Amino acid sequence: MCVTPLRGLIPYSLFPVETCSNNVAEYEALIISLELAFKMRIDQKEVFGDSQLMIRHVNSKNKVRNVKLVPLYPRAGCLMNQFL
């Protein structure tokens, strides 16, 4: 669920096409939400998540070691930099 600055809700649901870990699903959700915000020309975005691993990755507190997360990390970082 996306929440607008005026507290409106934008419902959005995702369905993985293959089995994946929770961390992969969290990264994919982050990437898709950032892409959607960019397409909607939203210039500020606040992101919340419940994956401590992903949060520590994107805040540069942990290195990405899982081979399935390695390609997702730079994509998420590139998209996040568009909102700085």
N, C-alpha and C. Protein backbone atom coordinates (compact mmCIF):
# COMPACT_ATOMS: atom_id res chain seq x y z
N MET A 1 0.84 -1.16 0.00
CA MET A 1 0.00 0.00 0.00
C MET A 1 0.90 1.23 0.00
N CYS A 2 0.65 2.15 -0.88
CA CYS A 2 1.38 3.41 -0.91
C CYS A 2 0.51 4.47 -0.26
N VAL A 3 1.12 5.33 0.54
CA VAL A 3 0.41 6.42 1.21
C VAL A 3 0.92 7.73 0.63
N THR A 4 0.01 8.57 0.16
CA THR A 4 0.38 9.85 -0.42
C THR A 4 0.69 10.85 0.69
N PRO A 5 1.35 11.98 0.37
CA PRO A 5 1.63 12.99 1.41
C PRO A 5 0.37 13.50 2.11
N LEU A 6 -0.77 13.46 1.43
CA LEU A 6 -2.02 13.89 2.03
C LEU A 6 -2.76 12.73 2.70
N ARG A 7 -2.05 11.63 2.92
CA ARG A 7 -2.54 10.42 3.58
C ARG A 7 -3.58 9.66 2.76
N GLY A 8 -3.60 9.89 1.45
CA GLY A 8 -4.42 9.06 0.57
C GLY A 8 -3.73 7.73 0.36
N LEU A 9 -4.47 6.73 -0.01
CA LEU A 9 -3.90 5.39 -0.20
C LEU A 9 -3.93 5.01 -1.68
N ILE A 10 -2.85 4.41 -2.13
CA ILE A 10 -2.77 3.88 -3.49
C ILE A 10 -2.59 2.37 -3.34
N PRO A 11 -3.66 1.60 -3.58
CA PRO A 11 -3.52 0.15 -3.45
C PRO A 11 -2.67 -0.41 -4.59
N TYR A 12 -1.80 -1.33 -4.25
CA TYR A 12 -0.93 -1.94 -5.25
C TYR A 12 -0.57 -3.32 -4.75
N SER A 13 -0.73 -4.31 -5.57
CA SER A 13 -0.38 -5.66 -5.13
C SER A 13 0.57 -6.30 -6.13
N LEU A 14 1.43 -7.15 -5.62
CA LEU A 14 2.45 -7.82 -6.41
C LEU A 14 2.31 -9.32 -6.21
N PHE A 15 2.57 -10.06 -7.26
CA PHE A 15 2.56 -11.51 -7.17
C PHE A 15 3.84 -12.05 -7.79
N PRO A 16 4.68 -12.69 -6.99
CA PRO A 16 5.92 -13.24 -7.56
C PRO A 16 5.60 -14.36 -8.55
N VAL A 17 6.37 -14.39 -9.62
CA VAL A 17 6.16 -15.43 -10.64
C VAL A 17 6.94 -16.70 -10.31
N GLU A 18 7.84 -16.61 -9.37
CA GLU A 18 8.58 -17.80 -8.94
C GLU A 18 8.82 -17.72 -7.44
N THR A 19 9.13 -18.83 -6.83
CA THR A 19 9.41 -18.87 -5.41
C THR A 19 10.69 -18.10 -5.11
N CYS A 20 10.63 -17.27 -4.08
CA CYS A 20 11.82 -16.51 -3.70
C CYS A 20 11.81 -16.29 -2.19
N SER A 21 12.93 -15.85 -1.67
CA SER A 21 13.04 -15.59 -0.23
C SER A 21 12.31 -14.29 0.11
N ASN A 22 12.06 -14.11 1.40
CA ASN A 22 11.44 -12.86 1.87
C ASN A 22 12.30 -11.65 1.51
N ASN A 23 13.62 -11.80 1.63
CA ASN A 23 14.50 -10.67 1.33
C ASN A 23 14.45 -10.29 -0.14
N VAL A 24 14.40 -11.27 -1.03
CA VAL A 24 14.27 -10.98 -2.46
C VAL A 24 12.93 -10.28 -2.71
N ALA A 25 11.86 -10.78 -2.10
CA ALA A 25 10.55 -10.17 -2.26
C ALA A 25 10.55 -8.72 -1.75
N GLU A 26 11.22 -8.47 -0.63
CA GLU A 26 11.30 -7.10 -0.09
C GLU A 26 12.05 -6.18 -1.05
N TYR A 27 13.16 -6.65 -1.59
CA TYR A 27 13.91 -5.84 -2.56
C TYR A 27 13.07 -5.56 -3.80
N GLU A 28 12.41 -6.58 -4.30
CA GLU A 28 11.60 -6.41 -5.52
C GLU A 28 10.47 -5.42 -5.25
N ALA A 29 9.84 -5.49 -4.07
CA ALA A 29 8.78 -4.55 -3.73
C ALA A 29 9.33 -3.12 -3.64
N LEU A 30 10.51 -2.97 -3.05
CA LEU A 30 11.14 -1.65 -2.97
C LEU A 30 11.40 -1.10 -4.37
N ILE A 31 11.98 -1.91 -5.22
CA ILE A 31 12.31 -1.48 -6.58
C ILE A 31 11.06 -1.08 -7.34
N ILE A 32 10.03 -1.91 -7.26
CA ILE A 32 8.79 -1.60 -7.98
C ILE A 32 8.14 -0.34 -7.44
N SER A 33 8.14 -0.15 -6.12
CA SER A 33 7.53 1.06 -5.57
C SER A 33 8.31 2.31 -5.96
N LEU A 34 9.63 2.21 -6.01
CA LEU A 34 10.43 3.36 -6.44
C LEU A 34 10.21 3.67 -7.91
N GLU A 35 10.12 2.63 -8.74
CA GLU A 35 9.84 2.84 -10.16
C GLU A 35 8.47 3.48 -10.36
N LEU A 36 7.49 3.02 -9.61
CA LEU A 36 6.15 3.57 -9.70
C LEU A 36 6.13 5.04 -9.27
N ALA A 37 6.80 5.35 -8.18
CA ALA A 37 6.87 6.74 -7.71
C ALA A 37 7.56 7.63 -8.74
N PHE A 38 8.61 7.12 -9.36
CA PHE A 38 9.33 7.89 -10.37
C PHE A 38 8.42 8.16 -11.57
N LYS A 39 7.68 7.15 -12.02
CA LYS A 39 6.77 7.32 -13.15
C LYS A 39 5.64 8.29 -12.82
N MET A 40 5.27 8.35 -11.54
CA MET A 40 4.21 9.27 -11.11
C MET A 40 4.75 10.67 -10.84
N ARG A 41 6.06 10.84 -11.05
CA ARG A 41 6.75 12.12 -10.84
C ARG A 41 6.66 12.60 -9.39
N ILE A 42 6.73 11.65 -8.48
CA ILE A 42 6.79 11.97 -7.06
C ILE A 42 8.23 12.33 -6.74
N ASP A 43 8.44 13.48 -6.12
CA ASP A 43 9.82 13.92 -5.90
C ASP A 43 10.36 13.59 -4.51
N GLN A 44 9.50 13.21 -3.58
CA GLN A 44 9.95 12.78 -2.25
C GLN A 44 9.24 11.48 -1.90
N LYS A 45 9.97 10.61 -1.24
CA LYS A 45 9.39 9.32 -0.89
C LYS A 45 9.99 8.86 0.42
N GLU A 46 9.14 8.40 1.32
CA GLU A 46 9.59 7.81 2.58
C GLU A 46 9.24 6.33 2.51
N VAL A 47 10.22 5.48 2.76
CA VAL A 47 10.03 4.04 2.61
C VAL A 47 10.14 3.37 3.97
N PHE A 48 9.23 2.46 4.23
CA PHE A 48 9.25 1.66 5.45
C PHE A 48 9.37 0.20 5.06
N GLY A 49 10.03 -0.57 5.87
CA GLY A 49 10.16 -1.99 5.59
C GLY A 49 10.34 -2.78 6.88
N ASP A 50 10.08 -4.07 6.78
CA ASP A 50 10.25 -4.90 7.97
C ASP A 50 11.42 -5.87 7.84
N SER A 51 12.17 -5.75 6.75
CA SER A 51 13.35 -6.59 6.58
C SER A 51 14.57 -5.82 7.09
N GLN A 52 15.01 -6.18 8.29
CA GLN A 52 16.17 -5.49 8.87
C GLN A 52 17.42 -5.65 7.99
N LEU A 53 17.53 -6.81 7.34
CA LEU A 53 18.68 -7.03 6.47
C LEU A 53 18.68 -6.02 5.32
N MET A 54 17.54 -5.86 4.65
CA MET A 54 17.47 -4.93 3.53
C MET A 54 17.68 -3.49 4.01
N ILE A 55 17.09 -3.14 5.13
CA ILE A 55 17.26 -1.79 5.67
C ILE A 55 18.73 -1.52 5.98
N ARG A 56 19.42 -2.51 6.55
CA ARG A 56 20.84 -2.33 6.85
C ARG A 56 21.67 -2.26 5.57
N HIS A 57 21.25 -2.98 4.52
CA HIS A 57 21.94 -2.90 3.23
C HIS A 57 21.82 -1.49 2.65
N VAL A 58 20.58 -1.01 2.53
CA VAL A 58 20.39 0.28 1.85
C VAL A 58 20.92 1.46 2.66
N ASN A 59 21.11 1.26 3.96
CA ASN A 59 21.73 2.30 4.80
C ASN A 59 23.24 2.08 4.94
N SER A 60 23.79 1.19 4.13
CA SER A 60 25.23 0.89 4.09
C SER A 60 25.80 0.43 5.42
N LYS A 61 25.02 -0.28 6.19
CA LYS A 61 25.51 -0.82 7.46
C LYS A 61 25.97 -2.26 7.33
N ASN A 62 25.45 -2.97 6.32
CA ASN A 62 25.86 -4.35 6.03
C ASN A 62 26.20 -4.47 4.55
N LYS A 63 27.14 -5.32 4.24
CA LYS A 63 27.45 -5.61 2.84
C LYS A 63 26.48 -6.67 2.32
N VAL A 64 26.18 -6.59 1.03
CA VAL A 64 25.30 -7.58 0.41
C VAL A 64 26.16 -8.77 0.02
N ARG A 65 25.85 -9.93 0.59
CA ARG A 65 26.63 -11.14 0.32
C ARG A 65 25.83 -12.21 -0.40
N ASN A 66 24.52 -12.19 -0.24
CA ASN A 66 23.67 -13.20 -0.85
C ASN A 66 23.65 -13.00 -2.36
N VAL A 67 23.99 -14.04 -3.12
CA VAL A 67 24.10 -13.91 -4.58
C VAL A 67 22.78 -13.52 -5.23
N LYS A 68 21.66 -13.85 -4.61
CA LYS A 68 20.38 -13.48 -5.19
C LYS A 68 20.03 -12.01 -4.94
N LEU A 69 20.66 -11.40 -3.93
CA LEU A 69 20.41 -10.00 -3.62
C LEU A 69 21.40 -9.07 -4.32
N VAL A 70 22.55 -9.59 -4.71
CA VAL A 70 23.60 -8.76 -5.31
C VAL A 70 23.09 -7.94 -6.51
N PRO A 71 22.34 -8.51 -7.46
CA PRO A 71 21.88 -7.69 -8.59
C PRO A 71 20.76 -6.72 -8.21
N LEU A 72 20.05 -6.98 -7.14
CA LEU A 72 18.94 -6.11 -6.74
C LEU A 72 19.42 -4.87 -6.01
N TYR A 73 20.49 -4.99 -5.25
CA TYR A 73 21.00 -3.89 -4.44
C TYR A 73 21.37 -2.65 -5.26
N PRO A 74 22.17 -2.77 -6.33
CA PRO A 74 22.52 -1.56 -7.08
C PRO A 74 21.31 -0.93 -7.78
N ARG A 75 20.37 -1.77 -8.22
CA ARG A 75 19.16 -1.22 -8.85
C ARG A 75 18.36 -0.39 -7.85
N ALA A 76 18.19 -0.91 -6.64
CA ALA A 76 17.47 -0.17 -5.60
C ALA A 76 18.21 1.12 -5.26
N GLY A 77 19.53 1.04 -5.14
CA GLY A 77 20.33 2.23 -4.82
C GLY A 77 20.23 3.29 -5.91
N CYS A 78 20.28 2.88 -7.15
CA CYS A 78 20.16 3.83 -8.27
C CYS A 78 18.81 4.53 -8.22
N LEU A 79 17.76 3.78 -7.99
CA LEU A 79 16.42 4.38 -7.92
C LEU A 79 16.29 5.31 -6.71
N MET A 80 16.84 4.92 -5.57
CA MET A 80 16.77 5.76 -4.38
C MET A 80 17.50 7.09 -4.60
N ASN A 81 18.60 7.05 -5.32
CA ASN A 81 19.36 8.27 -5.58
C ASN A 81 18.58 9.28 -6.42
N GLN A 82 17.59 8.83 -7.16
CA GLN A 82 16.78 9.75 -7.95
C GLN A 82 15.86 10.61 -7.08
N PHE A 83 15.71 10.24 -5.82
CA PHE A 83 14.84 10.98 -4.91
C PHE A 83 15.63 11.86 -3.94
N LEU A 84 16.93 11.93 -4.10
CA LEU A 84 17.75 12.76 -3.20
C LEU A 84 17.77 14.20 -3.65
